[in-house]
Amino acid sequence: MPNLEITYCIGCNWLLRAGWYAQECLSTFGTAISVTLIPDDTGGVFRISLDGTPIWDRKRDGGFPDIRTLKQRIRNLIEPDLSLGHLDR
Protein backbone atom coordinates (compact mmCIF):
# COMPACT_ATOMS: atom_id res chain seq x y z
CA MET A 1 0.00 0.00 0.00
CA PRO A 2 1.45 3.39 -0.96
CA ASN A 3 2.21 5.71 1.96
CA LEU A 4 1.51 9.43 1.72
CA GLU A 5 3.83 11.41 4.00
CA ILE A 6 2.94 14.94 5.00
CA THR A 7 5.80 16.74 6.74
CA TYR A 8 4.77 19.98 8.40
CA CYS A 9 6.38 22.71 10.52
CA ILE A 10 5.21 22.63 14.12
CA GLY A 11 6.46 26.18 14.71
CA CYS A 12 4.19 27.45 11.95
CA ASN A 13 1.18 25.63 13.44
CA TRP A 14 0.45 23.72 10.23
CA LEU A 15 -0.84 20.57 11.96
CA LEU A 16 -4.48 21.42 11.17
CA ARG A 17 -3.63 21.97 7.49
CA ALA A 18 -1.68 18.70 7.35
CA GLY A 19 -4.54 16.88 9.08
CA TRP A 20 -7.08 18.30 6.68
CA TYR A 21 -5.05 17.15 3.65
CA ALA A 22 -4.73 13.71 5.26
CA GLN A 23 -8.48 13.53 5.90
CA GLU A 24 -9.33 14.58 2.35
CA CYS A 25 -6.95 12.05 0.82
CA LEU A 26 -8.19 9.21 3.02
CA SER A 27 -11.79 10.12 2.17
CA THR A 28 -11.01 9.96 -1.54
CA PHE A 29 -8.61 7.01 -1.74
CA GLY A 30 -9.80 4.96 1.23
CA THR A 31 -7.74 1.85 1.80
CA ALA A 32 -5.67 2.39 -1.36
CA ILE A 33 -3.21 4.56 0.64
CA SER A 34 -1.96 5.09 4.15
CA VAL A 35 -1.07 8.52 5.52
CA THR A 36 1.69 9.52 7.90
CA LEU A 37 1.94 12.97 9.47
CA ILE A 38 5.51 13.98 10.28
CA PRO A 39 6.06 16.97 12.58
CA ASP A 40 9.23 18.94 11.87
CA ASP A 41 10.83 21.86 13.68
CA THR A 42 12.58 23.18 10.58
CA GLY A 43 11.12 26.61 9.90
CA GLY A 44 8.49 26.73 7.18
CA VAL A 45 8.68 23.13 5.95
CA PHE A 46 5.59 21.64 4.34
CA ARG A 47 6.24 18.68 2.05
CA ILE A 48 4.04 15.94 0.69
CA SER A 49 5.46 12.77 -0.82
CA LEU A 50 4.17 9.38 -1.86
CA ASP A 51 6.57 6.49 -1.21
CA GLY A 52 9.46 8.96 -1.37
CA THR A 53 8.30 10.60 -4.61
CA PRO A 54 7.86 14.34 -4.02
CA ILE A 55 4.35 15.55 -4.77
CA TRP A 56 4.48 19.03 -3.27
CA ASP A 57 6.99 21.24 -1.49
CA ARG A 58 5.79 24.58 -0.16
CA LYS A 59 9.11 26.32 -0.84
CA ARG A 60 9.66 24.80 -4.29
CA ASP A 61 6.07 24.98 -5.53
CA GLY A 62 5.06 28.22 -3.85
CA GLY A 63 2.57 27.90 -1.02
CA PHE A 64 0.14 25.07 -0.50
CA PRO A 65 -1.60 22.89 -3.09
CA ASP A 66 -5.30 23.16 -3.69
CA ILE A 67 -6.98 19.86 -2.90
CA ARG A 68 -7.82 19.18 -6.56
CA THR A 69 -4.16 19.37 -7.58
CA LEU A 70 -3.03 17.20 -4.68
CA LYS A 71 -5.60 14.47 -5.33
CA GLN A 72 -4.87 14.44 -9.05
CA ARG A 73 -1.13 14.05 -8.44
CA ILE A 74 -1.72 11.19 -6.02
CA ARG A 75 -4.19 9.51 -8.38
CA ASN A 76 -1.75 9.82 -11.28
CA LEU A 77 0.83 7.88 -9.27
CA ILE A 78 -1.31 5.15 -7.72
CA GLU A 79 -4.20 4.58 -10.14
CA PRO A 80 -4.15 6.76 -13.29
CA ASP A 81 -7.51 5.47 -14.55
CA LEU A 82 -9.37 6.31 -11.33
CA SER A 83 -12.08 8.93 -11.80
CA LEU A 84 -12.11 11.72 -9.25
CA GLY A 85 -15.60 12.72 -10.30
CA HIS A 86 -16.20 16.47 -10.31
CA LEU A 87 -12.51 17.14 -9.57
CA ASP A 88 -11.60 15.93 -13.06
CA ARG A 89 -13.86 18.45 -14.77
PDB file of N, CA and C in Angstrom:
ATOM      1  N   MET A   1       0.839  -1.172   0.000  1.00  0.00           N
ATOM      2  CA  MET A   1       0.000   0.000   0.000  1.00  0.00           C
ATOM      3  C   MET A   1       0.891   1.245   0.000  1.00  0.00           C
ATOM      4  N   PRO A   2       0.654   2.159  -0.918  1.00  0.00           N
ATOM      5  CA  PRO A   2       1.450   3.395  -0.955  1.00  0.00           C
ATOM      6  C   PRO A   2       1.230   4.219   0.319  1.00  0.00           C
ATOM      7  N   ASN A   3       2.298   4.877   0.764  1.00  0.00           N
ATOM      8  CA  ASN A   3       2.211   5.714   1.959  1.00  0.00           C
ATOM      9  C   ASN A   3       2.420   7.176   1.592  1.00  0.00           C
ATOM     10  N   LEU A   4       1.434   7.995   1.909  1.00  0.00           N
ATOM     11  CA  LEU A   4       1.510   9.433   1.716  1.00  0.00           C
ATOM     12  C   LEU A   4       2.096  10.030   2.981  1.00  0.00           C
ATOM     13  N   GLU A   5       3.199  10.767   2.849  1.00  0.00           N
ATOM     14  CA  GLU A   5       3.827  11.406   3.996  1.00  0.00           C
ATOM     15  C   GLU A   5       3.642  12.914   3.887  1.00  0.00           C
ATOM     16  N   ILE A   6       3.118  13.500   4.948  1.00  0.00           N
ATOM     17  CA  ILE A   6       2.937  14.942   5.004  1.00  0.00           C
ATOM     18  C   ILE A   6       3.819  15.452   6.135  1.00  0.00           C
ATOM     19  N   THR A   7       4.869  16.172   5.776  1.00  0.00           N
ATOM     20  CA  THR A   7       5.799  16.741   6.740  1.00  0.00           C
ATOM     21  C   THR A   7       5.442  18.206   6.915  1.00  0.00           C
ATOM     22  N   TYR A   8       5.231  18.620   8.160  1.00  0.00           N
ATOM     23  CA  TYR A   8       4.774  19.981   8.403  1.00  0.00           C
ATOM     24  C   TYR A   8       5.563  20.626   9.549  1.00  0.00           C
ATOM     25  N   CYS A   9       5.674  21.933   9.508  1.00  0.00           N
ATOM     26  CA  CYS A   9       6.384  22.707  10.522  1.00  0.00           C
ATOM     27  C   CYS A   9       5.494  22.901  11.746  1.00  0.00           C
ATOM     28  N   ILE A  10       5.988  22.457  12.898  1.00  0.00           N
ATOM     29  CA  ILE A  10       5.208  22.633  14.119  1.00  0.00           C
ATOM     30  C   ILE A  10       5.251  24.082  14.601  1.00  0.00           C
ATOM     31  N   GLY A  11       6.338  24.777  14.314  1.00  0.00           N
ATOM     32  CA  GLY A  11       6.457  26.177  14.712  1.00  0.00           C
ATOM     33  C   GLY A  11       5.506  27.090  13.963  1.00  0.00           C
ATOM     34  N   CYS A  12       5.119  26.663  12.777  1.00  0.00           N
ATOM     35  CA  CYS A  12       4.193  27.449  11.949  1.00  0.00           C
ATOM     36  C   CYS A  12       2.734  27.070  12.215  1.00  0.00           C
ATOM     37  N   ASN A  13       2.533  26.094  13.092  1.00  0.00           N
ATOM     38  CA  ASN A  13       1.181  25.631  13.441  1.00  0.00           C
ATOM     39  C   ASN A  13       0.419  25.085  12.237  1.00  0.00           C
ATOM     40  N   TRP A  14       1.077  24.274  11.429  1.00  0.00           N
ATOM     41  CA  TRP A  14       0.454  23.717  10.228  1.00  0.00           C
ATOM     42  C   TRP A  14      -0.115  22.317  10.436  1.00  0.00           C
ATOM     43  N   LEU A  15      -0.254  21.881  11.685  1.00  0.00           N
ATOM     44  CA  LEU A  15      -0.837  20.573  11.960  1.00  0.00           C
ATOM     45  C   LEU A  15      -2.266  20.473  11.423  1.00  0.00           C
ATOM     46  N   LEU A  16      -3.085  21.485  11.644  1.00  0.00           N
ATOM     47  CA  LEU A  16      -4.476  21.423  11.169  1.00  0.00           C
ATOM     48  C   LEU A  16      -4.536  21.315   9.647  1.00  0.00           C
ATOM     49  N   ARG A  17      -3.677  22.043   8.958  1.00  0.00           N
ATOM     50  CA  ARG A  17      -3.633  21.969   7.489  1.00  0.00           C
ATOM     51  C   ARG A  17      -3.205  20.566   7.059  1.00  0.00           C
ATOM     52  N   ALA A  18      -2.161  20.034   7.686  1.00  0.00           N
ATOM     53  CA  ALA A  18      -1.682  18.697   7.348  1.00  0.00           C
ATOM     54  C   ALA A  18      -2.769  17.659   7.619  1.00  0.00           C
ATOM     55  N   GLY A  19      -3.458  17.803   8.746  1.00  0.00           N
ATOM     56  CA  GLY A  19      -4.536  16.883   9.081  1.00  0.00           C
ATOM     57  C   GLY A  19      -5.690  16.947   8.105  1.00  0.00           C
ATOM     58  N   TRP A  20      -5.998  18.143   7.646  1.00  0.00           N
ATOM     59  CA  TRP A  20      -7.085  18.302   6.677  1.00  0.00           C
ATOM     60  C   TRP A  20      -6.728  17.628   5.351  1.00  0.00           C
ATOM     61  N   TYR A  21      -5.483  17.835   4.879  1.00  0.00           N
ATOM     62  CA  TYR A  21      -5.047  17.152   3.651  1.00  0.00           C
ATOM     63  C   TYR A  21      -5.130  15.637   3.831  1.00  0.00           C
ATOM     64  N   ALA A  22      -4.686  15.150   4.992  1.00  0.00           N
ATOM     65  CA  ALA A  22      -4.731  13.705   5.258  1.00  0.00           C
ATOM     66  C   ALA A  22      -6.172  13.202   5.216  1.00  0.00           C
ATOM     67  N   GLN A  23      -7.063  13.915   5.872  1.00  0.00           N
ATOM     68  CA  GLN A  23      -8.480  13.527   5.896  1.00  0.00           C
ATOM     69  C   GLN A  23      -9.073  13.501   4.499  1.00  0.00           C
ATOM     70  N   GLU A  24      -8.809  14.518   3.714  1.00  0.00           N
ATOM     71  CA  GLU A  24      -9.334  14.581   2.349  1.00  0.00           C
ATOM     72  C   GLU A  24      -8.821  13.422   1.493  1.00  0.00           C
ATOM     73  N   CYS A  25      -7.530  13.124   1.631  1.00  0.00           N
ATOM     74  CA  CYS A  25      -6.945  12.049   0.824  1.00  0.00           C
ATOM     75  C   CYS A  25      -7.475  10.682   1.257  1.00  0.00           C
ATOM     76  N   LEU A  26      -7.632  10.472   2.550  1.00  0.00           N
ATOM     77  CA  LEU A  26      -8.189   9.211   3.022  1.00  0.00           C
ATOM     78  C   LEU A  26      -9.651   9.072   2.620  1.00  0.00           C
ATOM     79  N   SER A  27     -10.388  10.166   2.599  1.00  0.00           N
ATOM     80  CA  SER A  27     -11.788  10.119   2.171  1.00  0.00           C
ATOM     81  C   SER A  27     -11.902   9.743   0.703  1.00  0.00           C
ATOM     82  N   THR A  28     -10.969  10.225  -0.100  1.00  0.00           N
ATOM     83  CA  THR A  28     -11.009   9.959  -1.541  1.00  0.00           C
ATOM     84  C   THR A  28     -10.451   8.587  -1.897  1.00  0.00           C
ATOM     85  N   PHE A  29      -9.307   8.223  -1.327  1.00  0.00           N
ATOM     86  CA  PHE A  29      -8.609   7.012  -1.741  1.00  0.00           C
ATOM     87  C   PHE A  29      -8.831   5.823  -0.817  1.00  0.00           C
ATOM     88  N   GLY A  30      -9.458   6.053   0.326  1.00  0.00           N
ATOM     89  CA  GLY A  30      -9.804   4.959   1.232  1.00  0.00           C
ATOM     90  C   GLY A  30      -8.623   4.092   1.596  1.00  0.00           C
ATOM     91  N   THR A  31      -8.783   2.796   1.414  1.00  0.00           N
ATOM     92  CA  THR A  31      -7.737   1.845   1.802  1.00  0.00           C
ATOM     93  C   THR A  31      -6.655   1.674   0.740  1.00  0.00           C
ATOM     94  N   ALA A  32      -6.692   2.482  -0.320  1.00  0.00           N
ATOM     95  CA  ALA A  32      -5.668   2.394  -1.364  1.00  0.00           C
ATOM     96  C   ALA A  32      -4.367   3.077  -0.948  1.00  0.00           C
ATOM     97  N   ILE A  33      -4.416   3.895   0.133  1.00  0.00           N
ATOM     98  CA  ILE A  33      -3.210   4.560   0.635  1.00  0.00           C
ATOM     99  C   ILE A  33      -3.227   4.561   2.157  1.00  0.00           C
ATOM    100  N   SER A  34      -2.053   4.776   2.728  1.00  0.00           N
ATOM    101  CA  SER A  34      -1.956   5.095   4.146  1.00  0.00           C
ATOM    102  C   SER A  34      -1.355   6.495   4.230  1.00  0.00           C
ATOM    103  N   VAL A  35      -1.560   7.156   5.352  1.00  0.00           N
ATOM    104  CA  VAL A  35      -1.070   8.521   5.516  1.00  0.00           C
ATOM    105  C   VAL A  35      -0.287   8.618   6.815  1.00  0.00           C
ATOM    106  N   THR A  36       0.863   9.264   6.730  1.00  0.00           N
ATOM    107  CA  THR A  36       1.691   9.518   7.897  1.00  0.00           C
ATOM    108  C   THR A  36       1.931  11.012   8.017  1.00  0.00           C
ATOM    109  N   LEU A  37       1.641  11.572   9.189  1.00  0.00           N
ATOM    110  CA  LEU A  37       1.939  12.973   9.467  1.00  0.00           C
ATOM    111  C   LEU A  37       3.273  13.034  10.193  1.00  0.00           C
ATOM    112  N   ILE A  38       4.161  13.894   9.714  1.00  0.00           N
ATOM    113  CA  ILE A  38       5.507  13.982  10.282  1.00  0.00           C
ATOM    114  C   ILE A  38       5.766  15.411  10.754  1.00  0.00           C
ATOM    115  N   PRO A  39       5.753  15.633  12.075  1.00  0.00           N
ATOM    116  CA  PRO A  39       6.064  16.969  12.580  1.00  0.00           C
ATOM    117  C   PRO A  39       7.548  17.269  12.406  1.00  0.00           C
ATOM    118  N   ASP A  40       7.860  18.523  12.125  1.00  0.00           N
ATOM    119  CA  ASP A  40       9.233  18.937  11.872  1.00  0.00           C
ATOM    120  C   ASP A  40       9.426  20.314  12.501  1.00  0.00           C
ATOM    121  N   ASP A  41      10.588  20.549  13.086  1.00  0.00           N
ATOM    122  CA  ASP A  41      10.827  21.862  13.680  1.00  0.00           C
ATOM    123  C   ASP A  41      11.703  22.749  12.806  1.00  0.00           C
ATOM    124  N   THR A  42      11.864  22.354  11.537  1.00  0.00           N
ATOM    125  CA  THR A  42      12.582  23.180  10.582  1.00  0.00           C
ATOM    126  C   THR A  42      11.634  24.265  10.106  1.00  0.00           C
ATOM    127  N   GLY A  43      11.998  25.491  10.220  1.00  0.00           N
ATOM    128  CA  GLY A  43      11.117  26.613   9.897  1.00  0.00           C
ATOM    129  C   GLY A  43      10.526  26.565   8.500  1.00  0.00           C
ATOM    130  N   GLY A  44       9.210  26.567   8.443  1.00  0.00           N
ATOM    131  CA  GLY A  44       8.495  26.727   7.178  1.00  0.00           C
ATOM    132  C   GLY A  44       8.365  25.501   6.313  1.00  0.00           C
ATOM    133  N   VAL A  45       8.750  24.328   6.793  1.00  0.00           N
ATOM    134  CA  VAL A  45       8.680  23.135   5.946  1.00  0.00           C
ATOM    135  C   VAL A  45       7.239  22.638   5.821  1.00  0.00           C
ATOM    136  N   PHE A  46       6.858  22.318   4.606  1.00  0.00           N
ATOM    137  CA  PHE A  46       5.590  21.643   4.335  1.00  0.00           C
ATOM    138  C   PHE A  46       5.786  20.871   3.046  1.00  0.00           C
ATOM    139  N   ARG A  47       5.972  19.551   3.197  1.00  0.00           N
ATOM    140  CA  ARG A  47       6.244  18.680   2.050  1.00  0.00           C
ATOM    141  C   ARG A  47       5.271  17.515   2.050  1.00  0.00           C
ATOM    142  N   ILE A  48       4.902  17.108   0.847  1.00  0.00           N
ATOM    143  CA  ILE A  48       4.040  15.940   0.687  1.00  0.00           C
ATOM    144  C   ILE A  48       4.723  15.016  -0.311  1.00  0.00           C
ATOM    145  N   SER A  49       4.857  13.747   0.073  1.00  0.00           N
ATOM    146  CA  SER A  49       5.465  12.767  -0.824  1.00  0.00           C
ATOM    147  C   SER A  49       4.687  11.460  -0.742  1.00  0.00           C
ATOM    148  N   LEU A  50       4.810  10.682  -1.803  1.00  0.00           N
ATOM    149  CA  LEU A  50       4.167   9.377  -1.859  1.00  0.00           C
ATOM    150  C   LEU A  50       5.245   8.343  -2.115  1.00  0.00           C
ATOM    151  N   ASP A  51       5.497   7.497  -1.130  1.00  0.00           N
ATOM    152  CA  ASP A  51       6.566   6.493  -1.207  1.00  0.00           C
ATOM    153  C   ASP A  51       7.901   7.111  -1.632  1.00  0.00           C
ATOM    154  N   GLY A  52       8.191   8.291  -1.086  1.00  0.00           N
ATOM    155  CA  GLY A  52       9.458   8.957  -1.371  1.00  0.00           C
ATOM    156  C   GLY A  52       9.456   9.830  -2.610  1.00  0.00           C
ATOM    157  N   THR A  53       8.410   9.760  -3.418  1.00  0.00           N
ATOM    158  CA  THR A  53       8.302  10.603  -4.607  1.00  0.00           C
ATOM    159  C   THR A  53       7.680  11.934  -4.212  1.00  0.00           C
ATOM    160  N   PRO A  54       8.413  13.036  -4.397  1.00  0.00           N
ATOM    161  CA  PRO A  54       7.865  14.338  -4.017  1.00  0.00           C
ATOM    162  C   PRO A  54       6.615  14.683  -4.832  1.00  0.00           C
ATOM    163  N   ILE A  55       5.577  15.109  -4.117  1.00  0.00           N
ATOM    164  CA  ILE A  55       4.348  15.552  -4.768  1.00  0.00           C
ATOM    165  C   ILE A  55       4.217  17.063  -4.657  1.00  0.00           C
ATOM    166  N   TRP A  56       4.600  17.598  -3.485  1.00  0.00           N
ATOM    167  CA  TRP A  56       4.480  19.034  -3.272  1.00  0.00           C
ATOM    168  C   TRP A  56       5.492  19.478  -2.232  1.00  0.00           C
ATOM    169  N   ASP A  57       6.104  20.614  -2.461  1.00  0.00           N
ATOM    170  CA  ASP A  57       6.992  21.240  -1.489  1.00  0.00           C
ATOM    171  C   ASP A  57       6.633  22.719  -1.443  1.00  0.00           C
ATOM    172  N   ARG A  58       6.254  23.204  -0.284  1.00  0.00           N
ATOM    173  CA  ARG A  58       5.790  24.584  -0.156  1.00  0.00           C
ATOM    174  C   ARG A  58       6.805  25.586  -0.688  1.00  0.00           C
ATOM    175  N   LYS A  59       8.076  25.383  -0.397  1.00  0.00           N
ATOM    176  CA  LYS A  59       9.106  26.323  -0.840  1.00  0.00           C
ATOM    177  C   LYS A  59       9.353  26.212  -2.342  1.00  0.00           C
ATOM    178  N   ARG A  60       9.395  25.013  -2.866  1.00  0.00           N
ATOM    179  CA  ARG A  60       9.658  24.800  -4.293  1.00  0.00           C
ATOM    180  C   ARG A  60       8.467  25.199  -5.156  1.00  0.00           C
ATOM    181  N   ASP A  61       7.263  24.794  -4.706  1.00  0.00           N
ATOM    182  CA  ASP A  61       6.071  24.976  -5.528  1.00  0.00           C
ATOM    183  C   ASP A  61       5.296  26.252  -5.212  1.00  0.00           C
ATOM    184  N   GLY A  62       5.694  26.957  -4.172  1.00  0.00           N
ATOM    185  CA  GLY A  62       5.063  28.224  -3.847  1.00  0.00           C
ATOM    186  C   GLY A  62       3.742  28.077  -3.115  1.00  0.00           C
ATOM    187  N   GLY A  63       3.789  27.982  -1.814  1.00  0.00           N
ATOM    188  CA  GLY A  63       2.565  27.902  -1.022  1.00  0.00           C
ATOM    189  C   GLY A  63       2.073  26.475  -0.853  1.00  0.00           C
ATOM    190  N   PHE A  64       0.770  26.362  -0.768  1.00  0.00           N
ATOM    191  CA  PHE A  64       0.142  25.069  -0.501  1.00  0.00           C
ATOM    192  C   PHE A  64      -0.703  24.649  -1.704  1.00  0.00           C
ATOM    193  N   PRO A  65      -0.806  23.328  -1.942  1.00  0.00           N
ATOM    194  CA  PRO A  65      -1.604  22.890  -3.088  1.00  0.00           C
ATOM    195  C   PRO A  65      -3.093  23.018  -2.817  1.00  0.00           C
ATOM    196  N   ASP A  66      -3.856  23.284  -3.875  1.00  0.00           N
ATOM    197  CA  ASP A  66      -5.296  23.156  -3.691  1.00  0.00           C
ATOM    198  C   ASP A  66      -5.595  21.662  -3.699  1.00  0.00           C
ATOM    199  N   ILE A  67      -6.701  21.279  -3.103  1.00  0.00           N
ATOM    200  CA  ILE A  67      -6.982  19.856  -2.900  1.00  0.00           C
ATOM    201  C   ILE A  67      -7.150  19.121  -4.221  1.00  0.00           C
ATOM    202  N   ARG A  68      -7.672  19.791  -5.229  1.00  0.00           N
ATOM    203  CA  ARG A  68      -7.823  19.179  -6.556  1.00  0.00           C
ATOM    204  C   ARG A  68      -6.465  18.752  -7.098  1.00  0.00           C
ATOM    205  N   THR A  69      -5.501  19.660  -7.064  1.00  0.00           N
ATOM    206  CA  THR A  69      -4.158  19.368  -7.579  1.00  0.00           C
ATOM    207  C   THR A  69      -3.522  18.213  -6.810  1.00  0.00           C
ATOM    208  N   LEU A  70      -3.630  18.255  -5.498  1.00  0.00           N
ATOM    209  CA  LEU A  70      -3.034  17.203  -4.681  1.00  0.00           C
ATOM    210  C   LEU A  70      -3.635  15.837  -4.998  1.00  0.00           C
ATOM    211  N   LYS A  71      -4.953  15.755  -5.045  1.00  0.00           N
ATOM    212  CA  LYS A  71      -5.602  14.471  -5.325  1.00  0.00           C
ATOM    213  C   LYS A  71      -5.280  13.974  -6.727  1.00  0.00           C
ATOM    214  N   GLN A  72      -5.205  14.869  -7.699  1.00  0.00           N
ATOM    215  CA  GLN A  72      -4.873  14.444  -9.052  1.00  0.00           C
ATOM    216  C   GLN A  72      -3.449  13.901  -9.127  1.00  0.00           C
ATOM    217  N   ARG A  73      -2.515  14.538  -8.430  1.00  0.00           N
ATOM    218  CA  ARG A  73      -1.127  14.054  -8.443  1.00  0.00           C
ATOM    219  C   ARG A  73      -1.014  12.683  -7.775  1.00  0.00           C
ATOM    220  N   ILE A  74      -1.732  12.495  -6.688  1.00  0.00           N
ATOM    221  CA  ILE A  74      -1.719  11.192  -6.017  1.00  0.00           C
ATOM    222  C   ILE A  74      -2.347  10.142  -6.927  1.00  0.00           C
ATOM    223  N   ARG A  75      -3.505  10.442  -7.471  1.00  0.00           N
ATOM    224  CA  ARG A  75      -4.191   9.511  -8.376  1.00  0.00           C
ATOM    225  C   ARG A  75      -3.304   9.122  -9.542  1.00  0.00           C
ATOM    226  N   ASN A  76      -2.605  10.094 -10.127  1.00  0.00           N
ATOM    227  CA  ASN A  76      -1.748   9.818 -11.281  1.00  0.00           C
ATOM    228  C   ASN A  76      -0.624   8.846 -10.943  1.00  0.00           C
ATOM    229  N   LEU A  77      -0.227   8.800  -9.683  1.00  0.00           N
ATOM    230  CA  LEU A  77       0.831   7.879  -9.266  1.00  0.00           C
ATOM    231  C   LEU A  77       0.305   6.504  -8.858  1.00  0.00           C
ATOM    232  N   ILE A  78      -0.857   6.443  -8.231  1.00  0.00           N
ATOM    233  CA  ILE A  78      -1.310   5.147  -7.717  1.00  0.00           C
ATOM    234  C   ILE A  78      -2.322   4.442  -8.602  1.00  0.00           C
ATOM    235  N   GLU A  79      -3.163   5.196  -9.312  1.00  0.00           N
ATOM    236  CA  GLU A  79      -4.204   4.584 -10.135  1.00  0.00           C
ATOM    237  C   GLU A  79      -4.667   5.582 -11.202  1.00  0.00           C
ATOM    238  N   PRO A  80      -3.873   5.736 -12.284  1.00  0.00           N
ATOM    239  CA  PRO A  80      -4.146   6.764 -13.289  1.00  0.00           C
ATOM    240  C   PRO A  80      -5.543   6.722 -13.907  1.00  0.00           C
ATOM    241  N   ASP A  81      -6.186   5.566 -13.933  1.00  0.00           N
ATOM    242  CA  ASP A  81      -7.511   5.467 -14.554  1.00  0.00           C
ATOM    243  C   ASP A  81      -8.656   5.786 -13.599  1.00  0.00           C
ATOM    244  N   LEU A  82      -8.353   6.024 -12.334  1.00  0.00           N
ATOM    245  CA  LEU A  82      -9.374   6.313 -11.334  1.00  0.00           C
ATOM    246  C   LEU A  82     -10.030   7.667 -11.615  1.00  0.00           C
ATOM    247  N   SER A  83     -11.339   7.686 -11.636  1.00  0.00           N
ATOM    248  CA  SER A  83     -12.076   8.934 -11.804  1.00  0.00           C
ATOM    249  C   SER A  83     -12.204   9.632 -10.453  1.00  0.00           C
ATOM    250  N   LEU A  84     -11.930  10.919 -10.454  1.00  0.00           N
ATOM    251  CA  LEU A  84     -12.113  11.718  -9.246  1.00  0.00           C
ATOM    252  C   LEU A  84     -13.410  12.512  -9.313  1.00  0.00           C
ATOM    253  N   GLY A  85     -14.295  12.079 -10.187  1.00  0.00           N
ATOM    254  CA  GLY A  85     -15.603  12.719 -10.296  1.00  0.00           C
ATOM    255  C   GLY A  85     -15.498  14.176 -10.697  1.00  0.00           C
ATOM    256  N   HIS A  86     -16.152  15.045  -9.952  1.00  0.00           N
ATOM    257  CA  HIS A  86     -16.196  16.467 -10.309  1.00  0.00           C
ATOM    258  C   HIS A  86     -14.819  17.124 -10.286  1.00  0.00           C
ATOM    259  N   LEU A  87     -13.836  16.552  -9.588  1.00  0.00           N
ATOM    260  CA  LEU A  87     -12.512  17.143  -9.568  1.00  0.00           C
ATOM    261  C   LEU A  87     -11.786  17.026 -10.905  1.00  0.00           C
ATOM    262  N   ASP A  88     -12.230  16.103 -11.744  1.00  0.00           N
ATOM    263  CA  ASP A  88     -11.603  15.928 -13.064  1.00  0.00           C
ATOM    264  C   ASP A  88     -12.197  16.857 -14.114  1.00  0.00           C
ATOM    265  N   ARG A  89     -13.241  17.556 -13.773  1.00  0.00           N
ATOM    266  CA  ARG A  89     -13.865  18.447 -14.774  1.00  0.00           C
ATOM    267  C   ARG A  89     -13.157  19.753 -14.886  1.00  0.00           C
TER     268      ARG A  89
END
